Protein backbone atom coordinates (compact mmCIF):
# COMPACT_ATOMS: atom_id res chain seq x y z
CA MET A 1 -93.63 -36.32 -81.77
CA LYS A 2 -94.31 -33.48 -84.14
CA LYS A 3 -94.87 -29.75 -83.90
CA ARG A 4 -98.54 -28.81 -83.70
CA TRP A 5 -100.21 -25.41 -84.02
CA ILE A 6 -103.49 -24.50 -82.42
CA SER A 7 -105.37 -21.22 -82.21
CA LEU A 8 -107.88 -20.28 -79.53
CA TYR A 9 -110.46 -17.56 -79.35
CA VAL A 10 -110.85 -16.80 -75.66
CA GLU A 11 -112.69 -14.30 -73.50
CA ASN A 12 -110.60 -11.14 -73.09
CA GLU A 13 -110.58 -11.20 -69.29
CA VAL A 14 -108.03 -11.13 -66.49
CA GLY A 15 -106.74 -14.59 -65.61
CA VAL A 16 -107.56 -16.39 -68.87
CA LEU A 17 -103.92 -16.60 -69.97
CA ALA A 18 -102.93 -17.98 -66.56
CA LYS A 19 -105.71 -20.56 -66.71
CA ILE A 20 -104.78 -21.76 -70.22
CA SER A 21 -101.04 -21.88 -69.52
CA GLY A 22 -101.80 -23.58 -66.20
CA LEU A 23 -103.72 -26.27 -68.05
CA PHE A 24 -100.59 -27.03 -70.09
CA SER A 25 -98.18 -26.97 -67.14
CA GLY A 26 -100.52 -29.01 -64.95
CA LYS A 27 -100.38 -31.83 -67.48
CA SER A 28 -96.63 -31.34 -68.12
CA TYR A 29 -97.17 -30.29 -71.74
CA ASN A 30 -94.35 -28.02 -72.91
CA LEU A 31 -95.36 -25.01 -74.99
CA THR A 32 -92.81 -24.06 -77.64
CA SER A 33 -94.61 -20.82 -78.49
CA LEU A 34 -97.50 -18.84 -77.04
CA THR A 35 -98.73 -15.53 -78.41
CA VAL A 36 -101.80 -13.61 -77.30
CA GLY A 37 -103.43 -10.53 -78.79
CA THR A 38 -106.79 -8.83 -79.01
CA THR A 39 -108.97 -9.35 -82.04
CA GLU A 40 -111.36 -7.18 -84.04
CA ASP A 41 -113.80 -7.86 -81.16
CA PRO A 42 -112.50 -6.23 -77.95
CA THR A 43 -114.24 -8.88 -75.82
CA MET A 44 -112.10 -11.66 -77.37
CA SER A 45 -108.40 -12.44 -77.56
CA ARG A 46 -106.69 -14.88 -79.85
CA MET A 47 -103.98 -17.24 -78.68
CA THR A 48 -101.62 -18.99 -81.06
CA ILE A 49 -99.97 -21.96 -79.38
CA SER A 50 -97.30 -24.36 -80.56
CA VAL A 51 -96.62 -27.64 -78.82
CA GLU A 52 -94.65 -30.77 -79.68
CA SER A 53 -96.69 -33.89 -79.05
CA ASP A 54 -97.86 -37.19 -80.37
CA ASP A 55 -101.38 -37.65 -81.79
CA ALA A 56 -102.96 -38.98 -78.58
CA THR A 57 -101.54 -36.22 -76.39
CA PHE A 58 -102.58 -33.53 -78.85
CA GLU A 59 -106.12 -34.89 -78.96
CA GLN A 60 -106.18 -34.76 -75.15
CA ILE A 61 -105.01 -31.12 -75.24
CA ARG A 62 -107.77 -30.19 -77.69
CA LYS A 63 -110.44 -31.87 -75.56
CA GLN A 64 -109.26 -30.12 -72.40
CA LEU A 65 -109.18 -26.73 -74.12
CA ASN A 66 -112.71 -27.25 -75.46
CA ARG A 67 -113.90 -27.88 -71.87
CA CYS A 68 -112.63 -24.51 -70.61
CA VAL A 69 -115.47 -22.04 -70.11
CA GLU A 70 -113.31 -19.10 -71.25
CA VAL A 71 -112.45 -20.76 -74.57
CA ILE A 72 -114.85 -19.69 -77.31
CA GLU A 73 -113.32 -21.65 -80.20
CA VAL A 74 -110.41 -24.06 -80.75
CA ILE A 75 -108.85 -24.14 -84.23
CA ASP A 76 -106.39 -26.95 -85.02
CA PHE A 77 -103.87 -25.79 -87.64
CA THR A 78 -101.97 -29.09 -87.76
CA ASN A 79 -103.19 -30.19 -91.19
CA SER A 80 -104.13 -26.77 -92.56
CA ARG A 81 -102.42 -24.40 -94.94
CA ILE A 82 -101.47 -21.52 -92.69
CA HIS A 83 -99.50 -18.29 -92.79
CA ARG A 84 -97.21 -18.04 -89.76
CA LYS A 85 -94.63 -15.47 -88.68
CA GLU A 86 -92.76 -14.46 -85.57
CA ILE A 87 -90.93 -11.27 -84.74
CA LEU A 88 -87.23 -11.34 -83.93
CA TYR A 89 -84.87 -8.60 -82.79
CA ILE A 90 -81.10 -9.03 -82.91
CA LYS A 91 -78.80 -6.45 -81.41
CA VAL A 92 -75.20 -6.73 -82.58
CA LYS A 93 -72.95 -5.20 -79.92
CA ASP A 94 -69.38 -3.90 -79.89
CA CYS A 95 -69.35 -3.19 -83.65
CA ASP A 96 -66.41 -1.55 -85.33
CA GLU A 97 -66.79 -0.09 -88.84
CA LYS A 98 -65.91 -3.40 -90.52
CA ALA A 99 -68.52 -5.26 -88.45
CA LYS A 100 -71.16 -2.61 -89.19
CA THR A 101 -70.55 -2.96 -92.92
CA GLU A 102 -70.97 -6.72 -92.60
CA VAL A 103 -74.19 -6.33 -90.58
CA PHE A 104 -75.66 -4.05 -93.27
CA ARG A 105 -74.71 -6.58 -95.97
CA ILE A 106 -76.25 -9.48 -94.06
CA ALA A 107 -79.39 -7.44 -93.32
CA GLN A 108 -79.86 -6.83 -97.03
CA VAL A 109 -79.40 -10.50 -97.93
CA PHE A 110 -81.79 -11.77 -95.23
CA ASN A 111 -84.29 -8.92 -95.73
CA LEU A 112 -83.85 -7.64 -92.17
CA ALA A 113 -84.79 -4.11 -91.19
CA ILE A 114 -82.26 -1.96 -89.36
CA VAL A 115 -84.47 -0.24 -86.79
CA ASP A 116 -81.85 1.44 -84.60
CA TYR A 117 -78.21 2.36 -85.00
CA GLY A 118 -75.67 3.56 -82.48
CA LYS A 119 -71.96 4.20 -82.22
CA ASN A 120 -71.15 0.57 -81.36
CA GLU A 121 -74.47 -1.28 -81.79
CA ILE A 122 -77.00 -2.08 -84.50
CA LEU A 123 -80.55 -3.32 -83.88
CA LEU A 124 -82.19 -5.49 -86.54
CA GLU A 125 -85.83 -6.54 -86.89
CA CYS A 126 -86.97 -9.68 -88.65
CA LEU A 127 -90.43 -11.02 -89.49
CA GLN A 128 -89.95 -14.59 -90.64
CA THR A 129 -90.95 -18.13 -89.70
CA GLU A 130 -89.59 -19.71 -86.54
CA THR A 131 -87.27 -21.97 -88.55
CA ARG A 132 -85.86 -19.08 -90.58
CA ASP A 133 -85.34 -17.05 -87.41
CA ASP A 134 -83.41 -20.00 -85.90
CA GLU A 135 -81.14 -19.98 -88.97
CA ILE A 136 -80.59 -16.22 -88.76
CA ILE A 137 -79.73 -16.40 -85.05
CA GLN A 138 -77.27 -19.23 -85.74
CA TYR A 139 -75.64 -17.21 -88.51
CA PHE A 140 -75.23 -14.09 -86.36
CA SER A 141 -73.94 -16.20 -83.44
CA GLU A 142 -71.20 -17.63 -85.63
CA TYR A 143 -70.00 -14.32 -87.08
CA PHE A 144 -70.37 -11.83 -84.22
CA LYS A 145 -68.98 -12.10 -80.69
CA LYS A 146 -71.74 -10.28 -78.83
CA ILE A 147 -75.39 -10.39 -79.82
CA GLU A 148 -78.63 -10.02 -77.91
CA VAL A 149 -81.72 -11.85 -79.15
CA VAL A 150 -85.39 -11.20 -78.36
CA ARG A 151 -88.12 -13.09 -80.15
CA GLY A 152 -91.87 -13.18 -79.89
CA GLY A 153 -94.06 -16.20 -80.35
CA SER A 154 -95.52 -17.01 -83.71
CA VAL A 155 -98.91 -15.84 -84.89
CA ALA A 156 -100.79 -17.84 -87.47
CA ILE A 157 -103.91 -17.68 -89.60
CA LYS A 158 -105.47 -20.13 -92.01
CA GLY A 159 -104.91 -19.41 -95.67
CA VAL A 160 -107.74 -18.37 -97.95
CA SER A 161 -109.66 -21.33 -99.32
CA VAL A 162 -109.72 -21.92 -103.07
CA GLU A 163 -113.44 -21.11 -103.24
CA GLU A 164 -112.80 -17.63 -101.78
CA LYS A 165 -110.03 -16.60 -104.18
């Protein structure tokens, strides 16, 4: 089993997300990340999907996605050089002055943006890889008693080929 990344261009219509996610759940494939957004063409959306699977299962997933009428293109990122990021918000709650100073120090070290600040809370924003976000969450969980975490799924795009540089 290994983590696989796939990107889909799909028709930007009501019900397409439900149909694609239903395909995965109907076959008992577990998605580890799913992100959807519009593209430069308002009639299309792009899905970035992460799944853990073996080679045979992943090939089955690709074939089933290619059969969906709403799917315009399937791009397998598994063996490609890609750029991938996810957004993460961490709210540190019940901060005293000492804790706030520590949060600011950690934010600087990890290159986190402080996007909101209150009397007893600080909200941080992070744009990193999924693995790096896991590490940051673990770090904050160990050092602060009360945190709230919200993260979005990863988005990914193939890197520029050597010929295009």
